[in-house]
Amino acid sequence: MNRKLSNLATFLFVFLAPAIALAAPVSTGEGERAVYGFAMALAVGLAALGGGLGQGRAVAAALEGICRNPNAAGKVLVPMLLGLAFVESLVIFALIISFTVGGNIAPTIGT
């Protein structure tokens, strides 16, 4: 029960925190830049967290397969590395999108 409640709280925080931040009244101060900076950090942090968890599971499964059948190490290694590269590319895309959005929005704040 605690795990379901924890998952629900995490889900609500991740999806409602940006809505609360964007529903804030418009001001021309530095507070808006802080909100966008927090949103960018949250986006990259969540992407890195998900990517790290995915990579950890992929490596664990590959190593378990290699331990069960050491002769399959060559056949398992290349697809595992390719999968890790794809997972890491999603984290890099999140970083690029975050900086792009932040760069496009930050100059328009207060105008």
Protein backbone atom coordinates (compact mmCIF):
# COMPACT_ATOMS: atom_id res chain seq x y z
CA MET A 1 0.00 0.00 0.00
CA ASN A 2 2.86 2.38 0.82
CA ARG A 3 4.43 1.81 -2.58
CA LYS A 4 1.18 2.62 -4.39
CA LEU A 5 0.77 5.77 -2.32
CA SER A 6 4.37 6.76 -3.01
CA ASN A 7 3.91 6.19 -6.75
CA LEU A 8 0.70 8.23 -6.74
CA ALA A 9 2.35 11.10 -4.84
CA THR A 10 5.31 11.09 -7.24
CA PHE A 11 3.00 11.04 -10.26
CA LEU A 12 0.92 13.93 -8.93
CA PHE A 13 4.00 15.99 -8.09
CA VAL A 14 5.62 15.44 -11.48
CA PHE A 15 2.53 16.30 -13.48
CA LEU A 16 0.95 18.96 -11.28
CA ALA A 17 4.02 20.96 -10.24
CA PRO A 18 4.48 22.48 -13.73
CA ALA A 19 0.77 23.31 -13.89
CA ILE A 20 0.96 25.09 -10.55
CA ALA A 21 4.05 26.99 -11.66
CA LEU A 22 2.44 28.07 -14.93
CA ALA A 23 -0.79 29.09 -13.17
CA ALA A 24 1.08 31.64 -11.04
CA PRO A 25 0.20 35.29 -11.62
CA VAL A 26 2.27 37.12 -14.20
CA SER A 27 4.99 39.34 -12.78
CA THR A 28 7.97 41.07 -14.29
CA GLY A 29 10.49 40.07 -11.65
CA GLU A 30 13.20 37.47 -11.38
CA GLY A 31 10.70 34.99 -9.93
CA GLU A 32 9.67 33.86 -13.39
CA ARG A 33 13.23 33.12 -14.37
CA ALA A 34 13.55 31.02 -11.25
CA VAL A 35 10.41 29.06 -12.17
CA TYR A 36 11.71 28.36 -15.66
CA GLY A 37 15.10 27.42 -14.25
CA PHE A 38 13.42 25.04 -11.81
CA ALA A 39 11.31 23.55 -14.61
CA MET A 40 14.40 23.02 -16.78
CA ALA A 41 16.27 21.39 -13.91
CA LEU A 42 13.28 19.19 -13.12
CA ALA A 43 12.96 18.07 -16.73
CA VAL A 44 16.62 17.17 -17.07
CA GLY A 45 16.68 15.57 -13.62
CA LEU A 46 13.68 13.35 -14.36
CA ALA A 47 15.13 12.38 -17.72
CA ALA A 48 18.45 11.48 -16.11
CA LEU A 49 16.68 9.54 -13.36
CA GLY A 50 14.63 7.54 -15.85
CA GLY A 51 17.62 6.99 -18.10
CA GLY A 52 19.77 5.83 -15.19
CA LEU A 53 17.12 3.40 -13.97
CA GLY A 54 16.61 2.05 -17.49
CA GLN A 55 20.31 1.63 -18.08
CA GLY A 56 20.75 -0.10 -14.74
CA ARG A 57 18.03 -2.61 -15.53
CA ALA A 58 19.38 -3.22 -19.02
CA VAL A 59 22.90 -3.88 -17.76
CA ALA A 60 21.63 -6.09 -14.95
CA ALA A 61 19.60 -8.20 -17.36
CA ALA A 62 22.50 -8.47 -19.80
CA LEU A 63 24.96 -9.49 -17.09
CA GLU A 64 22.50 -12.03 -15.74
CA GLY A 65 22.18 -13.50 -19.23
CA ILE A 66 25.96 -13.61 -19.63
CA CYS A 67 26.34 -15.27 -16.23
CA ARG A 68 23.84 -17.97 -17.18
CA ASN A 69 25.46 -18.57 -20.55
CA PRO A 70 29.03 -17.21 -20.82
CA ASN A 71 29.26 -18.29 -24.47
CA ALA A 72 26.59 -15.71 -25.38
CA ALA A 73 28.64 -12.75 -24.12
CA GLY A 74 29.52 -11.59 -27.64
CA LYS A 75 25.91 -11.83 -28.80
CA VAL A 76 24.58 -9.94 -25.76
CA LEU A 77 27.19 -7.18 -25.50
CA VAL A 78 26.57 -5.35 -28.77
CA PRO A 79 22.75 -5.09 -28.46
CA MET A 80 23.14 -4.03 -24.82
CA LEU A 81 25.55 -1.23 -25.76
CA LEU A 82 23.26 -0.13 -28.57
CA GLY A 83 20.31 -0.03 -26.19
CA LEU A 84 22.32 1.96 -23.66
CA ALA A 85 23.23 4.47 -26.37
CA PHE A 86 19.54 4.89 -27.27
CA VAL A 87 18.56 5.42 -23.65
CA GLU A 88 21.33 7.96 -23.14
CA SER A 89 20.33 9.79 -26.33
CA LEU A 90 16.87 10.39 -24.85
CA VAL A 91 18.48 12.05 -21.82
CA ILE A 92 20.59 14.24 -24.11
CA PHE A 93 17.47 15.17 -26.12
CA ALA A 94 15.75 16.23 -22.88
CA LEU A 95 18.76 18.41 -22.03
CA ILE A 96 18.75 20.04 -25.47
CA ILE A 97 15.00 20.63 -25.42
CA SER A 98 15.21 22.08 -21.91
CA PHE A 99 17.90 24.57 -22.90
CA THR A 100 16.09 25.43 -26.12
CA VAL A 101 12.81 26.13 -24.35
CA GLY A 102 14.60 28.08 -21.63
CA GLY A 103 16.49 30.13 -24.17
CA ASN A 104 13.34 30.95 -26.12
CA ILE A 105 11.22 31.83 -23.11
CA ALA A 106 13.70 33.66 -20.87
CA PRO A 107 14.25 36.70 -23.16
CA THR A 108 10.49 37.28 -23.43
CA ILE A 109 9.92 37.43 -19.67
CA GLY A 110 8.72 40.84 -18.54
CA THR A 111 7.93 42.17 -22.00
